[in-house]
Amino acid sequence: MLKLLPMDIEKAIAIKVSGKLNKSDINEVIKAVEEKFLQSEQVSIYVEVDTFGGITLDALIADLKFALPNFKRFSKKAVITEKKWIERWIEIADPLFPSIQVRHFTHEQKAEAIAWLKT
């Protein structure tokens, strides 16, 4: 499940992940991102991960169909989680996508993550 969170950064959206992601979750985020694209060429993403139970195939396809053609329109992604495997995945994946900066933050570092997205 994805939940949109309030975010005081004009060029960013914030989401909270808990459990398994489905297509309606992805469509809700796509709609929010498309609205931000109307305001700005570049959008940042703030993601809090409580639990991650995977993603359905139709949700993954919808996500890829939207993200791949728009990939260069994302500037930063702050991922807030205590999950070590997600932190490690970010370390590995970040250099593979040079057009977007991705950083890991702990829950205690939420304010630092928001400050980073503002820069």
PDB file of N, CA and C in Angstrom:
ATOM      1  N   MET A   1       0.835  -1.171   0.000  1.00  0.00           N
ATOM      2  CA  MET A   1       0.000   0.000   0.000  1.00  0.00           C
ATOM      3  C   MET A   1       0.887   1.244   0.000  1.00  0.00           C
ATOM      4  N   LEU A   2       0.488   2.219  -0.771  1.00  0.00           N
ATOM      5  CA  LEU A   2       1.161   3.518  -0.801  1.00  0.00           C
ATOM      6  C   LEU A   2       0.214   4.569  -0.265  1.00  0.00           C
ATOM      7  N   LYS A   3       0.782   5.511   0.476  1.00  0.00           N
ATOM      8  CA  LYS A   3      -0.002   6.625   0.984  1.00  0.00           C
ATOM      9  C   LYS A   3       0.749   7.903   0.651  1.00  0.00           C
ATOM     10  N   LEU A   4       0.062   8.848   0.019  1.00  0.00           N
ATOM     11  CA  LEU A   4       0.674  10.146  -0.239  1.00  0.00           C
ATOM     12  C   LEU A   4       0.747  10.919   1.068  1.00  0.00           C
ATOM     13  N   LEU A   5       1.892  11.521   1.303  1.00  0.00           N
ATOM     14  CA  LEU A   5       2.115  12.304   2.517  1.00  0.00           C
ATOM     15  C   LEU A   5       2.202  13.780   2.153  1.00  0.00           C
ATOM     16  N   PRO A   6       1.857  14.658   3.090  1.00  0.00           N
ATOM     17  CA  PRO A   6       2.051  16.085   2.818  1.00  0.00           C
ATOM     18  C   PRO A   6       3.543  16.399   2.687  1.00  0.00           C
ATOM     19  N   MET A   7       3.867  17.324   1.784  1.00  0.00           N
ATOM     20  CA  MET A   7       5.266  17.699   1.579  1.00  0.00           C
ATOM     21  C   MET A   7       5.301  19.190   1.315  1.00  0.00           C
ATOM     22  N   ASP A   8       6.158  19.905   2.042  1.00  0.00           N
ATOM     23  CA  ASP A   8       6.220  21.362   1.890  1.00  0.00           C
ATOM     24  C   ASP A   8       7.252  21.814   0.852  1.00  0.00           C
ATOM     25  N   ILE A   9       7.654  20.901  -0.008  1.00  0.00           N
ATOM     26  CA  ILE A   9       8.575  21.235  -1.087  1.00  0.00           C
ATOM     27  C   ILE A   9       7.763  21.254  -2.384  1.00  0.00           C
ATOM     28  N   GLU A  10       7.776  22.383  -3.058  1.00  0.00           N
ATOM     29  CA  GLU A  10       6.953  22.561  -4.259  1.00  0.00           C
ATOM     30  C   GLU A  10       7.258  21.528  -5.340  1.00  0.00           C
ATOM     31  N   LYS A  11       8.523  21.164  -5.494  1.00  0.00           N
ATOM     32  CA  LYS A  11       8.938  20.273  -6.580  1.00  0.00           C
ATOM     33  C   LYS A  11       9.139  18.829  -6.104  1.00  0.00           C
ATOM     34  N   ALA A  12       8.363  18.411  -5.088  1.00  0.00           N
ATOM     35  CA  ALA A  12       8.539  17.060  -4.563  1.00  0.00           C
ATOM     36  C   ALA A  12       7.207  16.451  -4.162  1.00  0.00           C
ATOM     37  N   ILE A  13       7.174  15.127  -4.202  1.00  0.00           N
ATOM     38  CA  ILE A  13       6.054  14.400  -3.626  1.00  0.00           C
ATOM     39  C   ILE A  13       6.610  13.472  -2.562  1.00  0.00           C
ATOM     40  N   ALA A  14       5.748  13.122  -1.622  1.00  0.00           N
ATOM     41  CA  ALA A  14       6.147  12.233  -0.533  1.00  0.00           C
ATOM     42  C   ALA A  14       5.172  11.069  -0.459  1.00  0.00           C
ATOM     43  N   ILE A  15       5.727   9.872  -0.271  1.00  0.00           N
ATOM     44  CA  ILE A  15       4.896   8.684  -0.154  1.00  0.00           C
ATOM     45  C   ILE A  15       5.395   7.813   0.986  1.00  0.00           C
ATOM     46  N   LYS A  16       4.478   7.026   1.513  1.00  0.00           N
ATOM     47  CA  LYS A  16       4.812   6.051   2.549  1.00  0.00           C
ATOM     48  C   LYS A  16       4.440   4.676   2.018  1.00  0.00           C
ATOM     49  N   VAL A  17       5.377   3.745   2.109  1.00  0.00           N
ATOM     50  CA  VAL A  17       5.183   2.382   1.626  1.00  0.00           C
ATOM     51  C   VAL A  17       5.000   1.458   2.819  1.00  0.00           C
ATOM     52  N   SER A  18       3.922   0.673   2.764  1.00  0.00           N
ATOM     53  CA  SER A  18       3.735  -0.365   3.782  1.00  0.00           C
ATOM     54  C   SER A  18       2.989  -1.524   3.135  1.00  0.00           C
ATOM     55  N   GLY A  19       3.612  -2.669   3.156  1.00  0.00           N
ATOM     56  CA  GLY A  19       2.987  -3.848   2.573  1.00  0.00           C
ATOM     57  C   GLY A  19       3.256  -3.996   1.091  1.00  0.00           C
ATOM     58  N   LYS A  20       2.334  -4.678   0.433  1.00  0.00           N
ATOM     59  CA  LYS A  20       2.481  -4.988  -0.993  1.00  0.00           C
ATOM     60  C   LYS A  20       1.881  -3.866  -1.838  1.00  0.00           C
ATOM     61  N   LEU A  21       2.584  -3.522  -2.905  1.00  0.00           N
ATOM     62  CA  LEU A  21       2.133  -2.467  -3.804  1.00  0.00           C
ATOM     63  C   LEU A  21       1.312  -3.064  -4.934  1.00  0.00           C
ATOM     64  N   ASN A  22       0.184  -2.417  -5.240  1.00  0.00           N
ATOM     65  CA  ASN A  22      -0.643  -2.870  -6.351  1.00  0.00           C
ATOM     66  C   ASN A  22      -0.801  -1.749  -7.370  1.00  0.00           C
ATOM     67  N   LYS A  23      -1.483  -2.051  -8.458  1.00  0.00           N
ATOM     68  CA  LYS A  23      -1.589  -1.095  -9.565  1.00  0.00           C
ATOM     69  C   LYS A  23      -2.293   0.197  -9.151  1.00  0.00           C
ATOM     70  N   SER A  24      -3.304   0.121  -8.311  1.00  0.00           N
ATOM     71  CA  SER A  24      -3.987   1.350  -7.898  1.00  0.00           C
ATOM     72  C   SER A  24      -3.054   2.238  -7.077  1.00  0.00           C
ATOM     73  N   ASP A  25      -2.158   1.640  -6.296  1.00  0.00           N
ATOM     74  CA  ASP A  25      -1.150   2.419  -5.561  1.00  0.00           C
ATOM     75  C   ASP A  25      -0.257   3.178  -6.540  1.00  0.00           C
ATOM     76  N   ILE A  26       0.244   2.468  -7.541  1.00  0.00           N
ATOM     77  CA  ILE A  26       1.142   3.076  -8.520  1.00  0.00           C
ATOM     78  C   ILE A  26       0.420   4.171  -9.300  1.00  0.00           C
ATOM     79  N   ASN A  27      -0.823   3.917  -9.687  1.00  0.00           N
ATOM     80  CA  ASN A  27      -1.587   4.921 -10.431  1.00  0.00           C
ATOM     81  C   ASN A  27      -1.802   6.192  -9.616  1.00  0.00           C
ATOM     82  N   GLU A  28      -1.988   6.055  -8.310  1.00  0.00           N
ATOM     83  CA  GLU A  28      -2.147   7.229  -7.443  1.00  0.00           C
ATOM     84  C   GLU A  28      -0.868   8.065  -7.430  1.00  0.00           C
ATOM     85  N   VAL A  29       0.281   7.405  -7.360  1.00  0.00           N
ATOM     86  CA  VAL A  29       1.557   8.123  -7.373  1.00  0.00           C
ATOM     87  C   VAL A  29       1.803   8.750  -8.743  1.00  0.00           C
ATOM     88  N   ILE A  30       1.499   8.024  -9.801  1.00  0.00           N
ATOM     89  CA  ILE A  30       1.672   8.573 -11.151  1.00  0.00           C
ATOM     90  C   ILE A  30       0.852   9.848 -11.309  1.00  0.00           C
ATOM     91  N   LYS A  31      -0.374   9.836 -10.843  1.00  0.00           N
ATOM     92  CA  LYS A  31      -1.228  11.018 -10.931  1.00  0.00           C
ATOM     93  C   LYS A  31      -0.598  12.200 -10.176  1.00  0.00           C
ATOM     94  N   ALA A  32      -0.077  11.941  -8.984  1.00  0.00           N
ATOM     95  CA  ALA A  32       0.559  12.999  -8.191  1.00  0.00           C
ATOM     96  C   ALA A  32       1.805  13.544  -8.889  1.00  0.00           C
ATOM     97  N   VAL A  33       2.594  12.663  -9.478  1.00  0.00           N
ATOM     98  CA  VAL A  33       3.805  13.088 -10.191  1.00  0.00           C
ATOM     99  C   VAL A  33       3.434  13.889 -11.432  1.00  0.00           C
ATOM    100  N   GLU A  34       2.435  13.432 -12.172  1.00  0.00           N
ATOM    101  CA  GLU A  34       2.007  14.174 -13.358  1.00  0.00           C
ATOM    102  C   GLU A  34       1.556  15.594 -12.995  1.00  0.00           C
ATOM    103  N   GLU A  35       0.894  15.753 -11.865  1.00  0.00           N
ATOM    104  CA  GLU A  35       0.486  17.085 -11.407  1.00  0.00           C
ATOM    105  C   GLU A  35       1.712  17.947 -11.101  1.00  0.00           C
ATOM    106  N   LYS A  36       2.731  17.350 -10.508  1.00  0.00           N
ATOM    107  CA  LYS A  36       3.972  18.083 -10.225  1.00  0.00           C
ATOM    108  C   LYS A  36       4.697  18.447 -11.515  1.00  0.00           C
ATOM    109  N   PHE A  37       4.643  17.566 -12.508  1.00  0.00           N
ATOM    110  CA  PHE A  37       5.275  17.854 -13.795  1.00  0.00           C
ATOM    111  C   PHE A  37       4.660  19.078 -14.464  1.00  0.00           C
ATOM    112  N   LEU A  38       3.409  19.373 -14.174  1.00  0.00           N
ATOM    113  CA  LEU A  38       2.773  20.575 -14.713  1.00  0.00           C
ATOM    114  C   LEU A  38       3.389  21.845 -14.121  1.00  0.00           C
ATOM    115  N   GLN A  39       3.951  21.720 -12.915  1.00  0.00           N
ATOM    116  CA  GLN A  39       4.538  22.855 -12.209  1.00  0.00           C
ATOM    117  C   GLN A  39       6.044  22.953 -12.414  1.00  0.00           C
ATOM    118  N   SER A  40       6.678  21.840 -12.700  1.00  0.00           N
ATOM    119  CA  SER A  40       8.134  21.819 -12.728  1.00  0.00           C
ATOM    120  C   SER A  40       8.651  20.754 -13.689  1.00  0.00           C
ATOM    121  N   GLU A  41       9.782  21.058 -14.324  1.00  0.00           N
ATOM    122  CA  GLU A  41      10.428  20.080 -15.205  1.00  0.00           C
ATOM    123  C   GLU A  41      11.010  18.916 -14.418  1.00  0.00           C
ATOM    124  N   GLN A  42      11.498  19.193 -13.218  1.00  0.00           N
ATOM    125  CA  GLN A  42      12.147  18.174 -12.385  1.00  0.00           C
ATOM    126  C   GLN A  42      11.358  17.986 -11.087  1.00  0.00           C
ATOM    127  N   VAL A  43      11.227  16.733 -10.663  1.00  0.00           N
ATOM    128  CA  VAL A  43      10.497  16.395  -9.446  1.00  0.00           C
ATOM    129  C   VAL A  43      11.385  15.513  -8.580  1.00  0.00           C
ATOM    130  N   SER A  44      11.334  15.759  -7.282  1.00  0.00           N
ATOM    131  CA  SER A  44      12.032  14.922  -6.310  1.00  0.00           C
ATOM    132  C   SER A  44      11.014  14.038  -5.594  1.00  0.00           C
ATOM    133  N   ILE A  45      11.507  12.920  -5.085  1.00  0.00           N
ATOM    134  CA  ILE A  45      10.641  11.948  -4.420  1.00  0.00           C
ATOM    135  C   ILE A  45      11.174  11.695  -3.001  1.00  0.00           C
ATOM    136  N   TYR A  46      10.266  11.685  -2.049  1.00  0.00           N
ATOM    137  CA  TYR A  46      10.554  11.344  -0.655  1.00  0.00           C
ATOM    138  C   TYR A  46       9.756  10.073  -0.372  1.00  0.00           C
ATOM    139  N   VAL A  47      10.449   9.006   0.049  1.00  0.00           N
ATOM    140  CA  VAL A  47       9.788   7.724   0.284  1.00  0.00           C
ATOM    141  C   VAL A  47      10.134   7.208   1.676  1.00  0.00           C
ATOM    142  N   GLU A  48       9.107   6.992   2.484  1.00  0.00           N
ATOM    143  CA  GLU A  48       9.274   6.325   3.774  1.00  0.00           C
ATOM    144  C   GLU A  48       8.861   4.874   3.591  1.00  0.00           C
ATOM    145  N   VAL A  49       9.762   3.958   3.901  1.00  0.00           N
ATOM    146  CA  VAL A  49       9.457   2.529   3.767  1.00  0.00           C
ATOM    147  C   VAL A  49       9.347   1.928   5.160  1.00  0.00           C
ATOM    148  N   ASP A  50       8.124   1.560   5.538  1.00  0.00           N
ATOM    149  CA  ASP A  50       7.923   0.846   6.802  1.00  0.00           C
ATOM    150  C   ASP A  50       8.143  -0.634   6.575  1.00  0.00           C
ATOM    151  N   THR A  51       7.314  -1.187   5.695  1.00  0.00           N
ATOM    152  CA  THR A  51       7.457  -2.588   5.294  1.00  0.00           C
ATOM    153  C   THR A  51       7.314  -2.635   3.782  1.00  0.00           C
ATOM    154  N   PHE A  52       7.915  -3.622   3.181  1.00  0.00           N
ATOM    155  CA  PHE A  52       7.779  -3.797   1.740  1.00  0.00           C
ATOM    156  C   PHE A  52       7.489  -5.259   1.480  1.00  0.00           C
ATOM    157  N   GLY A  53       6.264  -5.511   1.012  1.00  0.00           N
ATOM    158  CA  GLY A  53       5.832  -6.879   0.758  1.00  0.00           C
ATOM    159  C   GLY A  53       5.849  -7.256  -0.700  1.00  0.00           C
ATOM    160  N   GLY A  54       6.562  -6.469  -1.513  1.00  0.00           N
ATOM    161  CA  GLY A  54       6.647  -6.760  -2.931  1.00  0.00           C
ATOM    162  C   GLY A  54       5.739  -5.865  -3.746  1.00  0.00           C
ATOM    163  N   ILE A  55       5.651  -6.182  -5.041  1.00  0.00           N
ATOM    164  CA  ILE A  55       4.850  -5.402  -5.973  1.00  0.00           C
ATOM    165  C   ILE A  55       4.201  -6.370  -6.956  1.00  0.00           C
ATOM    166  N   THR A  56       2.930  -6.137  -7.256  1.00  0.00           N
ATOM    167  CA  THR A  56       2.251  -7.005  -8.214  1.00  0.00           C
ATOM    168  C   THR A  56       2.813  -6.749  -9.608  1.00  0.00           C
ATOM    169  N   LEU A  57       2.667  -7.727 -10.479  1.00  0.00           N
ATOM    170  CA  LEU A  57       3.204  -7.609 -11.834  1.00  0.00           C
ATOM    171  C   LEU A  57       2.564  -6.446 -12.585  1.00  0.00           C
ATOM    172  N   ASP A  58       1.252  -6.285 -12.491  1.00  0.00           N
ATOM    173  CA  ASP A  58       0.612  -5.183 -13.206  1.00  0.00           C
ATOM    174  C   ASP A  58       1.036  -3.829 -12.649  1.00  0.00           C
ATOM    175  N   ALA A  59       1.330  -3.763 -11.357  1.00  0.00           N
ATOM    176  CA  ALA A  59       1.834  -2.519 -10.766  1.00  0.00           C
ATOM    177  C   ALA A  59       3.243  -2.215 -11.268  1.00  0.00           C
ATOM    178  N   LEU A  60       4.073  -3.231 -11.349  1.00  0.00           N
ATOM    179  CA  LEU A  60       5.437  -3.050 -11.858  1.00  0.00           C
ATOM    180  C   LEU A  60       5.420  -2.572 -13.307  1.00  0.00           C
ATOM    181  N   ILE A  61       4.567  -3.163 -14.112  1.00  0.00           N
ATOM    182  CA  ILE A  61       4.466  -2.764 -15.523  1.00  0.00           C
ATOM    183  C   ILE A  61       4.002  -1.313 -15.628  1.00  0.00           C
ATOM    184  N   ALA A  62       2.992  -0.934 -14.854  1.00  0.00           N
ATOM    185  CA  ALA A  62       2.497   0.452 -14.878  1.00  0.00           C
ATOM    186  C   ALA A  62       3.592   1.420 -14.439  1.00  0.00           C
ATOM    187  N   ASP A  63       4.328   1.037 -13.417  1.00  0.00           N
ATOM    188  CA  ASP A  63       5.422   1.882 -12.912  1.00  0.00           C
ATOM    189  C   ASP A  63       6.496   2.071 -13.985  1.00  0.00           C
ATOM    190  N   LEU A  64       6.916   0.993 -14.606  1.00  0.00           N
ATOM    191  CA  LEU A  64       7.951   1.074 -15.636  1.00  0.00           C
ATOM    192  C   LEU A  64       7.492   1.856 -16.862  1.00  0.00           C
ATOM    193  N   LYS A  65       6.240   1.664 -17.268  1.00  0.00           N
ATOM    194  CA  LYS A  65       5.714   2.390 -18.429  1.00  0.00           C
ATOM    195  C   LYS A  65       5.751   3.900 -18.202  1.00  0.00           C
ATOM    196  N   PHE A  66       5.526   4.316 -16.969  1.00  0.00           N
ATOM    197  CA  PHE A  66       5.559   5.742 -16.668  1.00  0.00           C
ATOM    198  C   PHE A  66       6.982   6.229 -16.395  1.00  0.00           C
ATOM    199  N   ALA A  67       7.716   5.487 -15.588  1.00  0.00           N
ATOM    200  CA  ALA A  67       9.027   5.951 -15.114  1.00  0.00           C
ATOM    201  C   ALA A  67      10.086   5.997 -16.209  1.00  0.00           C
ATOM    202  N   LEU A  68      10.154   5.000 -17.049  1.00  0.00           N
ATOM    203  CA  LEU A  68      11.236   4.944 -18.027  1.00  0.00           C
ATOM    204  C   LEU A  68      11.252   6.140 -18.978  1.00  0.00           C
ATOM    205  N   PRO A  69      10.128   6.526 -19.590  1.00  0.00           N
ATOM    206  CA  PRO A  69      10.198   7.686 -20.481  1.00  0.00           C
ATOM    207  C   PRO A  69      10.380   9.015 -19.741  1.00  0.00           C
ATOM    208  N   ASN A  70      10.110   9.025 -18.443  1.00  0.00           N
ATOM    209  CA  ASN A  70      10.211  10.259 -17.653  1.00  0.00           C
ATOM    210  C   ASN A  70      11.408  10.269 -16.714  1.00  0.00           C
ATOM    211  N   PHE A  71      12.268   9.279 -16.832  1.00  0.00           N
ATOM    212  CA  PHE A  71      13.335   9.082 -15.853  1.00  0.00           C
ATOM    213  C   PHE A  71      14.185  10.331 -15.610  1.00  0.00           C
ATOM    214  N   LYS A  72      14.524  11.048 -16.647  1.00  0.00           N
ATOM    215  CA  LYS A  72      15.390  12.219 -16.495  1.00  0.00           C
ATOM    216  C   LYS A  72      14.668  13.409 -15.867  1.00  0.00           C
ATOM    217  N   ARG A  73      13.377  13.296 -15.661  1.00  0.00           N
ATOM    218  CA  ARG A  73      12.620  14.365 -15.027  1.00  0.00           C
ATOM    219  C   ARG A  73      12.619  14.250 -13.502  1.00  0.00           C
ATOM    220  N   PHE A  74      13.208  13.179 -12.983  1.00  0.00           N
ATOM    221  CA  PHE A  74      13.343  13.002 -11.540  1.00  0.00           C
ATOM    222  C   PHE A  74      14.750  13.429 -11.137  1.00  0.00           C
ATOM    223  N   SER A  75      14.847  14.324 -10.164  1.00  0.00           N
ATOM    224  CA  SER A  75      16.163  14.837  -9.789  1.00  0.00           C
ATOM    225  C   SER A  75      16.758  14.135  -8.577  1.00  0.00           C
ATOM    226  N   LYS A  76      15.954  13.945  -7.531  1.00  0.00           N
ATOM    227  CA  LYS A  76      16.450  13.322  -6.303  1.00  0.00           C
ATOM    228  C   LYS A  76      15.396  12.385  -5.737  1.00  0.00           C
ATOM    229  N   LYS A  77      15.902  11.389  -5.011  1.00  0.00           N
ATOM    230  CA  LYS A  77      15.014  10.478  -4.303  1.00  0.00           C
ATOM    231  C   LYS A  77      15.623  10.198  -2.941  1.00  0.00           C
ATOM    232  N   ALA A  78      14.884  10.558  -1.901  1.00  0.00           N
ATOM    233  CA  ALA A  78      15.307  10.279  -0.526  1.00  0.00           C
ATOM    234  C   ALA A  78      14.498   9.084  -0.034  1.00  0.00           C
ATOM    235  N   VAL A  79      15.186   8.037   0.381  1.00  0.00           N
ATOM    236  CA  VAL A  79      14.525   6.826   0.859  1.00  0.00           C
ATOM    237  C   VAL A  79      14.789   6.697   2.351  1.00  0.00           C
ATOM    238  N   ILE A  80      13.712   6.723   3.125  1.00  0.00           N
ATOM    239  CA  ILE A  80      13.811   6.659   4.574  1.00  0.00           C
ATOM    240  C   ILE A  80      13.390   5.268   5.010  1.00  0.00           C
ATOM    241  N   THR A  81      14.331   4.528   5.574  1.00  0.00           N
ATOM    242  CA  THR A  81      14.040   3.168   6.014  1.00  0.00           C
ATOM    243  C   THR A  81      15.129   2.687   6.969  1.00  0.00           C
ATOM    244  N   GLU A  82      14.775   1.708   7.738  1.00  0.00           N
ATOM    245  CA  GLU A  82      15.742   1.032   8.608  1.00  0.00           C
ATOM    246  C   GLU A  82      16.148  -0.320   8.014  1.00  0.00           C
ATOM    247  N   LYS A  83      15.597  -0.653   6.871  1.00  0.00           N
ATOM    248  CA  LYS A  83      15.874  -1.936   6.220  1.00  0.00           C
ATOM    249  C   LYS A  83      17.256  -1.913   5.572  1.00  0.00           C
ATOM    250  N   LYS A  84      18.143  -2.733   6.073  1.00  0.00           N
ATOM    251  CA  LYS A  84      19.523  -2.773   5.568  1.00  0.00           C
ATOM    252  C   LYS A  84      19.584  -3.222   4.113  1.00  0.00           C
ATOM    253  N   TRP A  85      18.723  -4.150   3.707  1.00  0.00           N
ATOM    254  CA  TRP A  85      18.770  -4.633   2.325  1.00  0.00           C
ATOM    255  C   TRP A  85      18.371  -3.527   1.354  1.00  0.00           C
ATOM    256  N   ILE A  86      17.479  -2.639   1.764  1.00  0.00           N
ATOM    257  CA  ILE A  86      17.103  -1.517   0.901  1.00  0.00           C
ATOM    258  C   ILE A  86      18.253  -0.519   0.830  1.00  0.00           C
ATOM    259  N   GLU A  87      18.883  -0.276   1.966  1.00  0.00           N
ATOM    260  CA  GLU A  87      20.048   0.615   1.988  1.00  0.00           C
ATOM    261  C   GLU A  87      21.136   0.092   1.048  1.00  0.00           C
ATOM    262  N   ARG A  88      21.394  -1.186   1.082  1.00  0.00           N
ATOM    263  CA  ARG A  88      22.414  -1.796   0.229  1.00  0.00           C
ATOM    264  C   ARG A  88      22.018  -1.698  -1.250  1.00  0.00           C
ATOM    265  N   TRP A  89      20.731  -1.939  -1.531  1.00  0.00           N
ATOM    266  CA  TRP A  89      20.241  -1.843  -2.905  1.00  0.00           C
ATOM    267  C   TRP A  89      20.447  -0.433  -3.448  1.00  0.00           C
ATOM    268  N   ILE A  90      20.220   0.580  -2.616  1.00  0.00           N
ATOM    269  CA  ILE A  90      20.420   1.972  -3.035  1.00  0.00           C
ATOM    270  C   ILE A  90      21.894   2.214  -3.373  1.00  0.00           C
ATOM    271  N   GLU A  91      22.789   1.706  -2.565  1.00  0.00           N
ATOM    272  CA  GLU A  91      24.221   1.865  -2.819  1.00  0.00           C
ATOM    273  C   GLU A  91      24.622   1.255  -4.161  1.00  0.00           C
ATOM    274  N   ILE A  92      24.024   0.130  -4.487  1.00  0.00           N
ATOM    275  CA  ILE A  92      24.346  -0.556  -5.742  1.00  0.00           C
ATOM    276  C   ILE A  92      23.690   0.138  -6.935  1.00  0.00           C
ATOM    277  N   ALA A  93      22.430   0.521  -6.791  1.00  0.00           N
ATOM    278  CA  ALA A  93      21.660   1.053  -7.916  1.00  0.00           C
ATOM    279  C   ALA A  93      21.979   2.512  -8.231  1.00  0.00           C
ATOM    280  N   ASP A  94      22.353   3.302  -7.244  1.00  0.00           N
ATOM    281  CA  ASP A  94      22.553   4.733  -7.461  1.00  0.00           C
ATOM    282  C   ASP A  94      23.519   5.040  -8.610  1.00  0.00           C
ATOM    283  N   PRO A  95      24.691   4.417  -8.679  1.00  0.00           N
ATOM    284  CA  PRO A  95      25.601   4.734  -9.795  1.00  0.00           C
ATOM    285  C   PRO A  95      25.073   4.307 -11.172  1.00  0.00           C
ATOM    286  N   LEU A  96      24.109   3.397 -11.196  1.00  0.00           N
ATOM    287  CA  LEU A  96      23.573   2.912 -12.471  1.00  0.00           C
ATOM    288  C   LEU A  96      22.657   3.936 -13.142  1.00  0.00           C
ATOM    289  N   PHE A  97      22.169   4.890 -12.357  1.00  0.00           N
ATOM    290  CA  PHE A  97      21.229   5.892 -12.876  1.00  0.00           C
ATOM    291  C   PHE A  97      21.750   7.285 -12.539  1.00  0.00           C
ATOM    292  N   PRO A  98      22.705   7.790 -13.314  1.00  0.00           N
ATOM    293  CA  PRO A  98      23.365   9.052 -12.972  1.00  0.00           C
ATOM    294  C   PRO A  98      22.470  10.289 -13.060  1.00  0.00           C
ATOM    295  N   SER A  99      21.328  10.199 -13.718  1.00  0.00           N
ATOM    296  CA  SER A  99      20.484  11.385 -13.845  1.00  0.00           C
ATOM    297  C   SER A  99      19.677  11.679 -12.577  1.00  0.00           C
ATOM    298  N   ILE A 100      19.603  10.731 -11.647  1.00  0.00           N
ATOM    299  CA  ILE A 100      18.876  10.939 -10.404  1.00  0.00           C
ATOM    300  C   ILE A 100      19.782  10.602  -9.218  1.00  0.00           C
ATOM    301  N   GLN A 101      19.792  11.501  -8.249  1.00  0.00           N
ATOM    302  CA  GLN A 101      20.555  11.259  -7.028  1.00  0.00           C
ATOM    303  C   GLN A 101      19.652  10.535  -6.032  1.00  0.00           C
ATOM    304  N   VAL A 102      20.115   9.416  -5.505  1.00  0.00           N
ATOM    305  CA  VAL A 102      19.338   8.648  -4.536  1.00  0.00           C
ATOM    306  C   VAL A 102      20.173   8.514  -3.271  1.00  0.00           C
ATOM    307  N   ARG A 103      19.548   8.839  -2.133  1.00  0.00           N
ATOM    308  CA  ARG A 103      20.238   8.709  -0.851  1.00  0.00           C
ATOM    309  C   ARG A 103      19.346   8.018   0.158  1.00  0.00           C
ATOM    310  N   HIS A 104      19.985   7.263   1.029  1.00  0.00           N
ATOM    311  CA  HIS A 104      19.295   6.574   2.112  1.00  0.00           C
ATOM    312  C   HIS A 104      19.382   7.410   3.380  1.00  0.00           C
ATOM    313  N   PHE A 105      18.294   7.437   4.134  1.00  0.00           N
ATOM    314  CA  PHE A 105      18.244   8.099   5.429  1.00  0.00           C
ATOM    315  C   PHE A 105      17.499   7.190   6.403  1.00  0.00           C
ATOM    316  N   THR A 106      17.855   7.278   7.681  1.00  0.00           N
ATOM    317  CA  THR A 106      17.109   6.546   8.699  1.00  0.00           C
ATOM    318  C   THR A 106      15.901   7.390   9.110  1.00  0.00           C
ATOM    319  N   HIS A 107      15.019   6.794   9.882  1.00  0.00           N
ATOM    320  CA  HIS A 107      13.848   7.536  10.348  1.00  0.00           C
ATOM    321  C   HIS A 107      14.255   8.736  11.210  1.00  0.00           C
ATOM    322  N   GLU A 108      15.342   8.616  11.912  1.00  0.00           N
ATOM    323  CA  GLU A 108      15.842   9.731  12.725  1.00  0.00           C
ATOM    324  C   GLU A 108      16.364  10.876  11.861  1.00  0.00           C
ATOM    325  N   GLN A 109      16.644  10.614  10.602  1.00  0.00           N
ATOM    326  CA  GLN A 109      17.212  11.610   9.693  1.00  0.00           C
ATOM    327  C   GLN A 109      16.179  12.208   8.724  1.00  0.00           C
ATOM    328  N   LYS A 110      14.908  12.117   9.048  1.00  0.00           N
ATOM    329  CA  LYS A 110      13.861  12.635   8.147  1.00  0.00           C
ATOM    330  C   LYS A 110      14.073  14.111   7.829  1.00  0.00           C
ATOM    331  N   ALA A 111      14.379  14.909   8.843  1.00  0.00           N
ATOM    332  CA  ALA A 111      14.588  16.346   8.620  1.00  0.00           C
ATOM    333  C   ALA A 111      15.765  16.576   7.688  1.00  0.00           C
ATOM    334  N   GLU A 112      16.805  15.789   7.841  1.00  0.00           N
ATOM    335  CA  GLU A 112      17.985  15.898   6.965  1.00  0.00           C
ATOM    336  C   GLU A 112      17.607  15.522   5.524  1.00  0.00           C
ATOM    337  N   ALA A 113      16.779  14.509   5.370  1.00  0.00           N
ATOM    338  CA  ALA A 113      16.331  14.094   4.034  1.00  0.00           C
ATOM    339  C   ALA A 113      15.535  15.206   3.356  1.00  0.00           C
ATOM    340  N   ILE A 114      14.657  15.836   4.092  1.00  0.00           N
ATOM    341  CA  ILE A 114      13.854  16.926   3.533  1.00  0.00           C
ATOM    342  C   ILE A 114      14.749  18.114   3.169  1.00  0.00           C
ATOM    343  N   ALA A 115      15.691  18.440   4.043  1.00  0.00           N
ATOM    344  CA  ALA A 115      16.625  19.522   3.756  1.00  0.00           C
ATOM    345  C   ALA A 115      17.434  19.224   2.493  1.00  0.00           C
ATOM    346  N   TRP A 116      17.857  17.970   2.321  1.00  0.00           N
ATOM    347  CA  TRP A 116      18.616  17.581   1.135  1.00  0.00           C
ATOM    348  C   TRP A 116      17.772  17.743  -0.136  1.00  0.00           C
ATOM    349  N   LEU A 117      16.501  17.361  -0.053  1.00  0.00           N
ATOM    350  CA  LEU A 117      15.630  17.489  -1.221  1.00  0.00           C
ATOM    351  C   LEU A 117      15.423  18.959  -1.608  1.00  0.00           C
ATOM    352  N   LYS A 118      15.498  19.847  -0.639  1.00  0.00           N
ATOM    353  CA  LYS A 118      15.294  21.274  -0.900  1.00  0.00           C
ATOM    354  C   LYS A 118      16.475  21.916  -1.618  1.00  0.00           C
ATOM    355  N   THR A 119      17.658  21.296  -1.562  1.00  0.00           N
ATOM    356  CA  THR A 119      18.838  21.892  -2.177  1.00  0.00           C
ATOM    357  C   THR A 119      18.871  21.657  -3.663  1.00  0.00           C
TER     358      THR A 119
END
